Amino acid sequence: MNTIRTRTRLASLVAGSAFAVAGVFGTPLAAMAADTHNSTPAATSVVSVADHKTAVPSDADLHPVAVTADQQTFAPSGEQLKNAKAIVDAGKAMNLPPRAWEIAVATSLQETGLKNIGDLGDANDHDSLGLFQQRPSSGWGTPDQLTDPTYASTAFYKALVQVPGWDHMALTDAAQAVQVSAYPDHYAKHETEAATIIKTVLGS
């Protein structure tokens, strides 16, 4: 299987900040980077014959672990595709492999339906915002930052790569380690659709 593996060094991820992943890895703390755009992406060594910065990823790249859950599919809107592209572009900018993009897109599909959720008043889930329902009160960033798709995606990826073995575990487990959802298995059903959307936005 042509699985893309990453080795991520995080020693200088965010100077002076502490960020623990929820579930068995802890909970997000209010020391998330004040400005993710200005922090240096984690260095990543990718073992692959394909240049994942430009190529449309293969199924093996996207699914290093077998897809076993029942899958949901749909026809995405232009808005959803635009948001998915922002997620993929942020992952590429950090030199992360396609598996990371798929986890991120599937997570956003579950959390918001790939919609950038702003201030909806009482309709918001507490203070959750943006593509990933990230919360300012949990240290993810300011409301303005979290409704910036690039910032929100980068923040998600920075948390993801702190999860040991994220790149070869079940997608729903990797997503749940970051998101700490009350429904930890619900990410699994979006894996195939996330892959299809990624291929679409990359021009497959």
N, C-alpha and C. Protein backbone atom coordinates (compact mmCIF):
# COMPACT_ATOMS: atom_id res chain seq x y z
N MET A 1 0.86 -1.20 0.00
CA MET A 1 0.00 0.00 0.00
C MET A 1 0.89 1.23 0.00
N ASN A 2 0.58 2.17 -0.86
CA ASN A 2 1.39 3.38 -0.99
C ASN A 2 0.97 4.40 0.05
N THR A 3 1.27 4.11 1.32
CA THR A 3 0.86 4.96 2.43
C THR A 3 1.87 6.05 2.67
N ILE A 4 1.39 7.27 2.73
CA ILE A 4 2.30 8.38 3.04
C ILE A 4 2.46 8.45 4.55
N ARG A 5 3.70 8.38 5.02
CA ARG A 5 3.98 8.45 6.44
C ARG A 5 4.63 9.79 6.75
N THR A 6 4.35 10.34 7.86
CA THR A 6 5.00 11.60 8.24
C THR A 6 5.71 11.44 9.56
N ARG A 7 6.79 12.15 9.72
CA ARG A 7 7.51 12.27 10.98
C ARG A 7 7.54 13.74 11.31
N THR A 8 6.83 14.13 12.31
CA THR A 8 6.66 15.56 12.57
C THR A 8 7.41 15.97 13.82
N ARG A 9 8.23 17.00 13.68
CA ARG A 9 8.94 17.53 14.85
C ARG A 9 8.21 18.78 15.31
N LEU A 10 7.84 18.81 16.60
CA LEU A 10 6.98 19.89 17.09
C LEU A 10 7.64 20.72 18.19
N ALA A 11 8.97 20.63 18.30
CA ALA A 11 9.62 21.29 19.42
C ALA A 11 9.38 22.78 19.43
N SER A 12 9.26 23.38 18.23
CA SER A 12 9.04 24.83 18.18
C SER A 12 7.69 25.18 17.62
N LEU A 13 6.71 24.32 17.85
CA LEU A 13 5.37 24.52 17.29
C LEU A 13 4.80 25.87 17.64
N VAL A 14 4.70 26.17 18.93
CA VAL A 14 4.22 27.48 19.37
C VAL A 14 5.05 27.90 20.57
N ALA A 15 5.86 28.95 20.43
CA ALA A 15 6.75 29.36 21.50
C ALA A 15 5.95 29.76 22.73
N GLY A 16 6.32 29.14 23.84
CA GLY A 16 5.71 29.50 25.11
C GLY A 16 4.29 29.06 25.27
N SER A 17 3.78 28.14 24.45
CA SER A 17 2.38 27.74 24.59
C SER A 17 2.29 26.27 24.90
N ALA A 18 1.16 25.89 25.46
CA ALA A 18 0.90 24.48 25.76
C ALA A 18 -0.38 24.10 25.09
N PHE A 19 -0.31 22.99 24.34
CA PHE A 19 -1.54 22.55 23.67
C PHE A 19 -1.61 21.05 23.77
N ALA A 20 -2.56 20.52 24.56
CA ALA A 20 -2.72 19.08 24.71
C ALA A 20 -3.94 18.65 23.97
N VAL A 21 -3.91 17.47 23.37
CA VAL A 21 -5.04 16.96 22.63
C VAL A 21 -5.98 16.25 23.59
N ALA A 22 -7.30 16.37 23.32
CA ALA A 22 -8.30 15.86 24.23
C ALA A 22 -8.40 14.36 24.18
N GLY A 23 -9.37 13.84 24.94
CA GLY A 23 -9.55 12.40 25.07
C GLY A 23 -8.41 11.86 25.90
N VAL A 24 -7.76 10.81 25.40
CA VAL A 24 -6.66 10.23 26.14
C VAL A 24 -5.46 11.15 26.16
N PHE A 25 -5.46 12.21 25.35
CA PHE A 25 -4.31 13.10 25.27
C PHE A 25 -4.55 14.42 26.01
N GLY A 26 -5.64 14.61 26.71
CA GLY A 26 -5.90 15.85 27.44
C GLY A 26 -6.93 16.70 26.73
N THR A 27 -7.01 18.00 27.05
CA THR A 27 -7.96 18.91 26.42
C THR A 27 -7.24 20.14 25.90
N PRO A 28 -7.77 20.80 24.85
CA PRO A 28 -7.13 22.01 24.35
C PRO A 28 -7.06 23.07 25.43
N LEU A 29 -5.90 23.75 25.55
CA LEU A 29 -5.71 24.78 26.56
C LEU A 29 -5.67 26.14 25.91
N ALA A 30 -5.83 27.17 26.71
CA ALA A 30 -5.93 28.54 26.19
C ALA A 30 -4.60 29.09 25.73
N ALA A 31 -3.59 28.23 25.60
CA ALA A 31 -2.29 28.70 25.15
C ALA A 31 -2.05 28.43 23.68
N MET A 32 -3.12 28.21 22.91
CA MET A 32 -2.97 28.04 21.46
C MET A 32 -2.34 29.31 20.91
N ALA A 33 -1.61 29.21 19.79
CA ALA A 33 -0.89 30.36 19.24
C ALA A 33 -1.79 31.56 19.07
N ALA A 34 -1.28 32.74 19.42
CA ALA A 34 -2.06 33.96 19.27
C ALA A 34 -2.32 34.27 17.80
N ASP A 35 -1.39 33.87 16.95
CA ASP A 35 -1.58 34.10 15.52
C ASP A 35 -0.98 32.94 14.76
N THR A 36 -1.81 31.96 14.39
CA THR A 36 -1.31 30.77 13.72
C THR A 36 -0.65 31.11 12.40
N HIS A 37 -1.12 32.15 11.70
CA HIS A 37 -0.54 32.50 10.41
C HIS A 37 0.93 32.83 10.54
N ASN A 38 1.36 33.38 11.69
CA ASN A 38 2.73 33.84 11.84
C ASN A 38 3.64 32.80 12.45
N SER A 39 3.11 31.65 12.84
CA SER A 39 3.96 30.63 13.43
C SER A 39 4.47 29.70 12.35
N THR A 40 5.64 29.11 12.58
CA THR A 40 6.29 28.29 11.57
C THR A 40 5.67 26.92 11.52
N PRO A 41 5.25 26.44 10.34
CA PRO A 41 4.67 25.11 10.24
C PRO A 41 5.65 24.05 10.69
N ALA A 42 5.09 22.97 11.25
CA ALA A 42 5.92 21.88 11.71
C ALA A 42 6.67 21.27 10.53
N ALA A 43 7.95 20.95 10.75
CA ALA A 43 8.73 20.32 9.70
C ALA A 43 8.26 18.90 9.50
N THR A 44 8.11 18.50 8.25
CA THR A 44 7.57 17.19 7.96
C THR A 44 8.41 16.49 6.91
N SER A 45 8.75 15.23 7.15
CA SER A 45 9.44 14.43 6.16
C SER A 45 8.46 13.44 5.57
N VAL A 46 8.26 13.52 4.25
CA VAL A 46 7.26 12.70 3.61
C VAL A 46 7.94 11.65 2.74
N VAL A 47 7.57 10.39 2.92
CA VAL A 47 8.10 9.31 2.12
C VAL A 47 7.08 8.98 1.05
N SER A 48 7.32 9.44 -0.18
CA SER A 48 6.38 9.20 -1.27
C SER A 48 7.05 9.52 -2.59
N VAL A 49 6.71 8.78 -3.64
CA VAL A 49 7.24 9.10 -4.95
C VAL A 49 6.42 10.21 -5.60
N ALA A 50 5.24 10.49 -5.05
CA ALA A 50 4.37 11.53 -5.61
C ALA A 50 4.61 12.86 -4.92
N ASP A 51 4.51 13.94 -5.67
CA ASP A 51 4.58 15.28 -5.10
C ASP A 51 3.19 15.67 -4.66
N HIS A 52 2.90 15.52 -3.35
CA HIS A 52 1.54 15.75 -2.90
C HIS A 52 1.15 17.22 -2.89
N LYS A 53 2.10 18.11 -3.18
CA LYS A 53 1.74 19.52 -3.28
C LYS A 53 0.95 19.81 -4.56
N THR A 54 1.14 18.99 -5.57
CA THR A 54 0.48 19.27 -6.84
C THR A 54 -0.40 18.13 -7.33
N ALA A 55 -0.06 16.90 -6.99
CA ALA A 55 -0.76 15.75 -7.55
C ALA A 55 -2.09 15.51 -6.88
N VAL A 56 -3.04 14.95 -7.64
CA VAL A 56 -4.28 14.46 -7.05
C VAL A 56 -3.94 13.16 -6.32
N PRO A 57 -4.23 13.05 -5.04
CA PRO A 57 -3.80 11.87 -4.29
C PRO A 57 -4.54 10.61 -4.71
N SER A 58 -3.87 9.49 -4.53
CA SER A 58 -4.48 8.20 -4.83
C SER A 58 -5.34 7.75 -3.65
N ASP A 59 -6.15 6.74 -3.90
CA ASP A 59 -6.95 6.18 -2.81
C ASP A 59 -6.05 5.63 -1.70
N ALA A 60 -4.91 5.07 -2.09
CA ALA A 60 -3.98 4.54 -1.08
C ALA A 60 -3.42 5.66 -0.21
N ASP A 61 -3.17 6.82 -0.81
CA ASP A 61 -2.69 7.97 -0.03
C ASP A 61 -3.75 8.45 0.96
N LEU A 62 -4.99 8.46 0.51
CA LEU A 62 -6.08 8.98 1.33
C LEU A 62 -6.57 7.97 2.36
N HIS A 63 -6.50 6.69 2.03
CA HIS A 63 -7.05 5.64 2.90
C HIS A 63 -6.00 4.62 3.29
N PRO A 64 -5.00 5.01 4.10
CA PRO A 64 -4.02 4.02 4.55
C PRO A 64 -4.63 2.97 5.48
N VAL A 65 -5.80 3.31 6.05
CA VAL A 65 -6.55 2.37 6.88
C VAL A 65 -7.86 2.08 6.16
N ALA A 66 -8.27 0.83 6.16
CA ALA A 66 -9.47 0.44 5.43
C ALA A 66 -10.70 1.20 5.93
N VAL A 67 -11.56 1.60 4.99
CA VAL A 67 -12.83 2.25 5.32
C VAL A 67 -13.85 1.15 5.60
N THR A 68 -14.37 1.13 6.81
CA THR A 68 -15.30 0.06 7.19
C THR A 68 -16.69 0.56 7.57
N ALA A 69 -16.80 1.83 7.96
CA ALA A 69 -18.10 2.37 8.37
C ALA A 69 -18.98 2.62 7.16
N ASP A 70 -20.30 2.59 7.36
CA ASP A 70 -21.23 2.99 6.31
C ASP A 70 -20.97 4.46 5.96
N GLN A 71 -20.97 4.76 4.67
CA GLN A 71 -20.57 6.09 4.22
C GLN A 71 -21.77 6.90 3.73
N GLN A 72 -21.69 8.22 3.95
CA GLN A 72 -22.69 9.16 3.45
C GLN A 72 -22.08 9.95 2.29
N THR A 73 -22.84 10.11 1.22
CA THR A 73 -22.38 10.90 0.10
C THR A 73 -23.44 11.93 -0.28
N PHE A 74 -23.01 12.99 -0.96
CA PHE A 74 -23.93 14.04 -1.37
C PHE A 74 -23.25 14.87 -2.44
N ALA A 75 -23.99 15.78 -3.05
CA ALA A 75 -23.43 16.70 -4.05
C ALA A 75 -23.09 18.02 -3.36
N PRO A 76 -21.81 18.32 -3.16
CA PRO A 76 -21.44 19.54 -2.43
C PRO A 76 -21.74 20.81 -3.23
N SER A 77 -22.03 21.86 -2.51
CA SER A 77 -22.28 23.17 -3.12
C SER A 77 -20.96 23.86 -3.42
N GLY A 78 -21.04 24.98 -4.13
CA GLY A 78 -19.85 25.77 -4.39
C GLY A 78 -19.20 26.27 -3.12
N GLU A 79 -20.02 26.66 -2.15
CA GLU A 79 -19.49 27.12 -0.87
C GLU A 79 -18.72 26.01 -0.17
N GLN A 80 -19.28 24.82 -0.17
CA GLN A 80 -18.62 23.70 0.49
C GLN A 80 -17.30 23.34 -0.19
N LEU A 81 -17.29 23.38 -1.52
CA LEU A 81 -16.05 23.08 -2.24
C LEU A 81 -14.99 24.16 -1.97
N LYS A 82 -15.41 25.41 -1.91
CA LYS A 82 -14.48 26.50 -1.61
C LYS A 82 -13.85 26.31 -0.23
N ASN A 83 -14.66 25.94 0.74
CA ASN A 83 -14.14 25.72 2.09
C ASN A 83 -13.23 24.50 2.14
N ALA A 84 -13.59 23.46 1.41
CA ALA A 84 -12.74 22.28 1.36
C ALA A 84 -11.38 22.61 0.75
N LYS A 85 -11.39 23.44 -0.30
CA LYS A 85 -10.12 23.83 -0.92
C LYS A 85 -9.25 24.61 0.05
N ALA A 86 -9.87 25.45 0.87
CA ALA A 86 -9.10 26.20 1.87
C ALA A 86 -8.45 25.24 2.87
N ILE A 87 -9.18 24.20 3.24
CA ILE A 87 -8.65 23.20 4.17
C ILE A 87 -7.47 22.46 3.53
N VAL A 88 -7.64 22.03 2.29
CA VAL A 88 -6.57 21.31 1.58
C VAL A 88 -5.36 22.23 1.39
N ASP A 89 -5.59 23.46 0.99
CA ASP A 89 -4.48 24.39 0.76
C ASP A 89 -3.69 24.64 2.03
N ALA A 90 -4.38 24.72 3.16
CA ALA A 90 -3.68 24.92 4.44
C ALA A 90 -2.81 23.71 4.76
N GLY A 91 -3.33 22.51 4.49
CA GLY A 91 -2.53 21.30 4.71
C GLY A 91 -1.33 21.23 3.81
N LYS A 92 -1.50 21.63 2.54
CA LYS A 92 -0.37 21.63 1.62
C LYS A 92 0.67 22.66 2.05
N ALA A 93 0.22 23.81 2.52
CA ALA A 93 1.14 24.86 2.96
C ALA A 93 2.00 24.39 4.14
N MET A 94 1.47 23.47 4.94
CA MET A 94 2.21 22.91 6.07
C MET A 94 2.99 21.66 5.68
N ASN A 95 2.96 21.31 4.39
CA ASN A 95 3.66 20.13 3.88
C ASN A 95 3.14 18.84 4.50
N LEU A 96 1.85 18.81 4.78
CA LEU A 96 1.23 17.61 5.32
C LEU A 96 0.68 16.75 4.18
N PRO A 97 0.63 15.44 4.39
CA PRO A 97 0.22 14.52 3.32
C PRO A 97 -1.30 14.46 3.16
N PRO A 98 -1.78 13.84 2.09
CA PRO A 98 -3.21 13.76 1.83
C PRO A 98 -4.04 13.16 2.94
N ARG A 99 -3.50 12.25 3.72
CA ARG A 99 -4.28 11.68 4.82
C ARG A 99 -4.71 12.78 5.79
N ALA A 100 -3.85 13.75 6.04
CA ALA A 100 -4.20 14.86 6.92
C ALA A 100 -5.34 15.67 6.33
N TRP A 101 -5.30 15.93 5.03
CA TRP A 101 -6.37 16.70 4.38
C TRP A 101 -7.70 15.96 4.53
N GLU A 102 -7.66 14.65 4.32
CA GLU A 102 -8.89 13.88 4.39
C GLU A 102 -9.49 13.90 5.81
N ILE A 103 -8.63 13.76 6.81
CA ILE A 103 -9.12 13.82 8.19
C ILE A 103 -9.75 15.18 8.46
N ALA A 104 -9.10 16.23 7.99
CA ALA A 104 -9.61 17.58 8.23
C ALA A 104 -10.93 17.83 7.51
N VAL A 105 -11.02 17.44 6.24
CA VAL A 105 -12.25 17.66 5.49
C VAL A 105 -13.39 16.84 6.09
N ALA A 106 -13.12 15.59 6.44
CA ALA A 106 -14.15 14.75 7.06
C ALA A 106 -14.60 15.33 8.39
N THR A 107 -13.67 15.88 9.15
CA THR A 107 -14.02 16.50 10.43
C THR A 107 -14.94 17.69 10.21
N SER A 108 -14.61 18.54 9.24
CA SER A 108 -15.46 19.69 8.97
C SER A 108 -16.82 19.26 8.44
N LEU A 109 -16.87 18.20 7.65
CA LEU A 109 -18.16 17.69 7.19
C LEU A 109 -19.06 17.32 8.36
N GLN A 110 -18.48 16.69 9.37
CA GLN A 110 -19.27 16.30 10.53
C GLN A 110 -19.63 17.49 11.41
N GLU A 111 -18.68 18.39 11.62
CA GLU A 111 -18.90 19.48 12.56
C GLU A 111 -19.83 20.56 12.01
N THR A 112 -19.67 20.90 10.74
CA THR A 112 -20.41 22.05 10.20
C THR A 112 -20.97 21.82 8.80
N GLY A 113 -20.80 20.63 8.24
CA GLY A 113 -21.20 20.44 6.85
C GLY A 113 -20.36 21.27 5.90
N LEU A 114 -19.08 21.48 6.26
CA LEU A 114 -18.16 22.30 5.45
C LEU A 114 -18.67 23.72 5.28
N LYS A 115 -19.28 24.25 6.32
CA LYS A 115 -19.73 25.63 6.31
C LYS A 115 -18.99 26.43 7.38
N ASN A 116 -18.70 27.67 7.06
CA ASN A 116 -17.94 28.53 7.96
C ASN A 116 -18.93 29.24 8.89
N ILE A 117 -19.10 28.69 10.07
CA ILE A 117 -20.13 29.15 11.01
C ILE A 117 -19.65 30.39 11.77
N GLY A 118 -20.39 31.47 11.64
CA GLY A 118 -20.08 32.69 12.37
C GLY A 118 -20.93 32.82 13.62
N ASP A 119 -21.11 34.04 14.07
CA ASP A 119 -21.89 34.29 15.28
C ASP A 119 -23.37 34.16 14.94
N LEU A 120 -23.99 33.11 15.46
CA LEU A 120 -25.41 32.86 15.21
C LEU A 120 -26.25 33.09 16.47
N GLY A 121 -25.65 33.74 17.45
CA GLY A 121 -26.38 33.98 18.69
C GLY A 121 -26.66 32.68 19.42
N ASP A 122 -27.91 32.49 19.83
CA ASP A 122 -28.28 31.30 20.58
C ASP A 122 -28.18 30.02 19.75
N ALA A 123 -28.08 30.17 18.43
CA ALA A 123 -27.99 28.99 17.57
C ALA A 123 -26.60 28.36 17.58
N ASN A 124 -25.59 29.09 18.05
CA ASN A 124 -24.26 28.51 18.16
C ASN A 124 -24.22 27.47 19.28
N ASP A 125 -23.38 26.47 19.10
CA ASP A 125 -23.11 25.51 20.16
C ASP A 125 -22.09 26.14 21.09
N HIS A 126 -22.58 26.71 22.20
CA HIS A 126 -21.74 27.50 23.09
C HIS A 126 -21.07 28.60 22.27
N ASP A 127 -19.71 28.65 22.28
CA ASP A 127 -19.03 29.67 21.48
C ASP A 127 -18.29 29.06 20.29
N SER A 128 -18.76 27.92 19.81
CA SER A 128 -18.11 27.22 18.71
C SER A 128 -18.30 27.98 17.39
N LEU A 129 -17.20 28.08 16.62
CA LEU A 129 -17.21 28.88 15.40
C LEU A 129 -16.41 28.21 14.29
N GLY A 130 -16.64 28.69 13.08
CA GLY A 130 -15.80 28.32 11.96
C GLY A 130 -16.10 26.96 11.36
N LEU A 131 -15.16 26.46 10.57
CA LEU A 131 -15.33 25.20 9.85
C LEU A 131 -15.28 23.98 10.75
N PHE A 132 -14.66 24.12 11.93
CA PHE A 132 -14.43 22.97 12.79
C PHE A 132 -15.12 23.09 14.15
N GLN A 133 -15.97 24.12 14.31
CA GLN A 133 -16.62 24.34 15.61
C GLN A 133 -15.58 24.50 16.72
N GLN A 134 -14.55 25.26 16.45
CA GLN A 134 -13.53 25.53 17.45
C GLN A 134 -13.99 26.64 18.39
N ARG A 135 -13.57 26.57 19.64
CA ARG A 135 -14.09 27.49 20.65
C ARG A 135 -13.02 28.46 21.15
N PRO A 136 -13.28 29.76 21.07
CA PRO A 136 -12.35 30.72 21.66
C PRO A 136 -12.08 30.43 23.13
N SER A 137 -13.09 30.03 23.87
CA SER A 137 -12.93 29.79 25.30
C SER A 137 -12.04 28.59 25.59
N SER A 138 -11.78 27.76 24.59
CA SER A 138 -10.88 26.62 24.77
C SER A 138 -9.48 26.90 24.22
N GLY A 139 -9.24 28.14 23.83
CA GLY A 139 -7.90 28.52 23.42
C GLY A 139 -7.57 28.35 21.96
N TRP A 140 -8.57 28.10 21.11
CA TRP A 140 -8.29 27.89 19.70
C TRP A 140 -7.95 29.19 18.97
N GLY A 141 -8.42 30.31 19.45
CA GLY A 141 -8.17 31.59 18.79
C GLY A 141 -9.31 32.55 19.05
N THR A 142 -9.22 33.73 18.44
CA THR A 142 -10.28 34.71 18.58
C THR A 142 -11.42 34.37 17.62
N PRO A 143 -12.60 34.93 17.82
CA PRO A 143 -13.69 34.69 16.86
C PRO A 143 -13.31 35.04 15.43
N ASP A 144 -12.62 36.16 15.23
CA ASP A 144 -12.22 36.54 13.88
C ASP A 144 -11.25 35.52 13.28
N GLN A 145 -10.34 35.02 14.10
CA GLN A 145 -9.40 34.03 13.60
C GLN A 145 -10.10 32.72 13.24
N LEU A 146 -11.01 32.29 14.07
CA LEU A 146 -11.64 30.99 13.87
C LEU A 146 -12.62 30.99 12.71
N THR A 147 -13.06 32.15 12.28
CA THR A 147 -13.90 32.22 11.09
C THR A 147 -13.10 32.53 9.83
N ASP A 148 -11.78 32.51 9.95
CA ASP A 148 -10.87 32.56 8.81
C ASP A 148 -10.53 31.10 8.47
N PRO A 149 -10.99 30.58 7.32
CA PRO A 149 -10.78 29.15 7.01
C PRO A 149 -9.32 28.71 7.06
N THR A 150 -8.41 29.57 6.63
CA THR A 150 -6.99 29.19 6.66
C THR A 150 -6.49 29.07 8.09
N TYR A 151 -6.82 30.04 8.91
CA TYR A 151 -6.41 29.98 10.31
C TYR A 151 -7.01 28.74 11.00
N ALA A 152 -8.32 28.55 10.84
CA ALA A 152 -8.99 27.44 11.50
C ALA A 152 -8.42 26.10 11.07
N SER A 153 -8.15 25.96 9.77
CA SER A 153 -7.59 24.71 9.26
C SER A 153 -6.19 24.47 9.79
N THR A 154 -5.38 25.52 9.81
CA THR A 154 -4.02 25.40 10.32
C THR A 154 -4.03 25.02 11.79
N ALA A 155 -4.94 25.61 12.56
CA ALA A 155 -5.05 25.27 13.97
C ALA A 155 -5.44 23.79 14.14
N PHE A 156 -6.36 23.33 13.31
CA PHE A 156 -6.75 21.91 13.37
C PHE A 156 -5.54 21.02 13.08
N TYR A 157 -4.81 21.32 12.02
CA TYR A 157 -3.66 20.49 11.65
C TYR A 157 -2.60 20.49 12.74
N LYS A 158 -2.37 21.64 13.35
CA LYS A 158 -1.35 21.70 14.41
C LYS A 158 -1.71 20.81 15.59
N ALA A 159 -3.00 20.71 15.88
CA ALA A 159 -3.44 19.80 16.93
C ALA A 159 -3.35 18.35 16.46
N LEU A 160 -3.72 18.10 15.21
CA LEU A 160 -3.72 16.74 14.68
C LEU A 160 -2.33 16.12 14.74
N VAL A 161 -1.31 16.85 14.30
CA VAL A 161 0.02 16.25 14.22
C VAL A 161 0.64 16.00 15.58
N GLN A 162 0.00 16.47 16.64
CA GLN A 162 0.46 16.14 17.99
C GLN A 162 -0.09 14.80 18.47
N VAL A 163 -1.02 14.23 17.74
CA VAL A 163 -1.60 12.94 18.13
C VAL A 163 -0.67 11.83 17.66
N PRO A 164 -0.10 11.06 18.56
CA PRO A 164 0.83 10.00 18.16
C PRO A 164 0.16 9.00 17.22
N GLY A 165 0.79 8.77 16.06
CA GLY A 165 0.28 7.79 15.12
C GLY A 165 -0.94 8.22 14.33
N TRP A 166 -1.23 9.51 14.30
CA TRP A 166 -2.44 10.00 13.64
C TRP A 166 -2.53 9.56 12.18
N ASP A 167 -1.37 9.41 11.52
CA ASP A 167 -1.37 9.16 10.08
C ASP A 167 -1.64 7.70 9.70
N HIS A 168 -1.70 6.81 10.68
CA HIS A 168 -2.06 5.43 10.38
C HIS A 168 -3.07 4.85 11.36
N MET A 169 -3.89 5.72 11.94
CA MET A 169 -5.00 5.24 12.77
C MET A 169 -6.31 5.49 12.03
N ALA A 170 -7.38 4.89 12.52
CA ALA A 170 -8.69 5.10 11.92
C ALA A 170 -9.00 6.60 11.90
N LEU A 171 -9.59 7.07 10.80
CA LEU A 171 -9.87 8.49 10.65
C LEU A 171 -10.68 9.03 11.82
N THR A 172 -11.71 8.33 12.22
CA THR A 172 -12.58 8.83 13.28
C THR A 172 -11.84 8.96 14.61
N ASP A 173 -10.84 8.09 14.84
CA ASP A 173 -10.06 8.18 16.07
C ASP A 173 -9.15 9.39 16.05
N ALA A 174 -8.54 9.66 14.89
CA ALA A 174 -7.68 10.84 14.78
C ALA A 174 -8.48 12.12 14.94
N ALA A 175 -9.64 12.18 14.28
CA ALA A 175 -10.49 13.37 14.39
C ALA A 175 -10.96 13.57 15.82
N GLN A 176 -11.37 12.50 16.47
CA GLN A 176 -11.89 12.60 17.82
C GLN A 176 -10.82 13.04 18.81
N ALA A 177 -9.59 12.63 18.59
CA ALA A 177 -8.50 13.04 19.48
C ALA A 177 -8.33 14.54 19.48
N VAL A 178 -8.64 15.19 18.37
CA VAL A 178 -8.54 16.64 18.28
C VAL A 178 -9.83 17.31 18.76
N GLN A 179 -10.96 16.78 18.34
CA GLN A 179 -12.23 17.49 18.52
C GLN A 179 -12.93 17.21 19.85
N VAL A 180 -12.73 16.05 20.43
CA VAL A 180 -13.37 15.67 21.68
C VAL A 180 -14.89 15.78 21.57
N SER A 181 -15.43 15.14 20.57
CA SER A 181 -16.87 15.21 20.33
C SER A 181 -17.65 14.31 21.27
N ALA A 182 -18.90 14.68 21.51
CA ALA A 182 -19.80 13.80 22.25
C ALA A 182 -20.22 12.60 21.42
N TYR A 183 -19.91 12.65 20.12
CA TYR A 183 -20.25 11.56 19.20
C TYR A 183 -18.98 11.12 18.47
N PRO A 184 -18.09 10.42 19.12
CA PRO A 184 -16.75 10.16 18.58
C PRO A 184 -16.71 9.30 17.33
N ASP A 185 -17.76 8.54 17.07
CA ASP A 185 -17.75 7.66 15.89
C ASP A 185 -18.33 8.31 14.64
N HIS A 186 -18.88 9.51 14.77
CA HIS A 186 -19.61 10.11 13.65
C HIS A 186 -18.73 10.61 12.52
N TYR A 187 -17.43 10.79 12.77
CA TYR A 187 -16.54 11.25 11.71
C TYR A 187 -16.35 10.16 10.64
N ALA A 188 -16.47 8.91 11.06
CA ALA A 188 -16.16 7.78 10.17
C ALA A 188 -16.99 7.78 8.90
N LYS A 189 -18.22 8.23 8.98
CA LYS A 189 -19.13 8.13 7.83
C LYS A 189 -18.83 9.12 6.72
N HIS A 190 -17.91 10.04 6.95
CA HIS A 190 -17.60 11.07 5.96
C HIS A 190 -16.29 10.81 5.20
N GLU A 191 -15.66 9.69 5.43
CA GLU A 191 -14.33 9.46 4.87
C GLU A 191 -14.34 9.40 3.34
N THR A 192 -15.24 8.64 2.77
CA THR A 192 -15.29 8.52 1.31
C THR A 192 -15.66 9.84 0.65
N GLU A 193 -16.64 10.54 1.21
CA GLU A 193 -17.03 11.83 0.64
C GLU A 193 -15.90 12.84 0.75
N ALA A 194 -15.17 12.83 1.86
CA ALA A 194 -14.03 13.73 2.00
C ALA A 194 -13.01 13.49 0.90
N ALA A 195 -12.74 12.21 0.60
CA ALA A 195 -11.79 11.88 -0.46
C ALA A 195 -12.28 12.37 -1.82
N THR A 196 -13.56 12.18 -2.09
CA THR A 196 -14.14 12.62 -3.36
C THR A 196 -14.04 14.13 -3.50
N ILE A 197 -14.33 14.85 -2.44
CA ILE A 197 -14.27 16.31 -2.46
C ILE A 197 -12.84 16.78 -2.68
N ILE A 198 -11.89 16.15 -2.02
CA ILE A 198 -10.48 16.52 -2.20
C ILE A 198 -10.07 16.35 -3.66
N LYS A 199 -10.43 15.24 -4.25
CA LYS A 199 -10.09 15.02 -5.66
C LYS A 199 -10.78 16.04 -6.56
N THR A 200 -11.98 16.42 -6.20
CA THR A 200 -12.70 17.41 -7.00
C THR A 200 -12.02 18.77 -6.96
N VAL A 201 -11.64 19.22 -5.76
CA VAL A 201 -11.05 20.55 -5.66
C VAL A 201 -9.64 20.59 -6.22
N LEU A 202 -9.01 19.43 -6.34
CA LEU A 202 -7.67 19.37 -6.94
C LEU A 202 -7.73 19.10 -8.44
N GLY A 203 -8.94 19.00 -8.97
CA GLY A 203 -9.09 18.93 -10.41
C GLY A 203 -9.10 17.55 -11.00
N SER A 204 -9.41 16.53 -10.18
CA SER A 204 -9.47 15.17 -10.71
C SER A 204 -10.65 14.99 -11.65
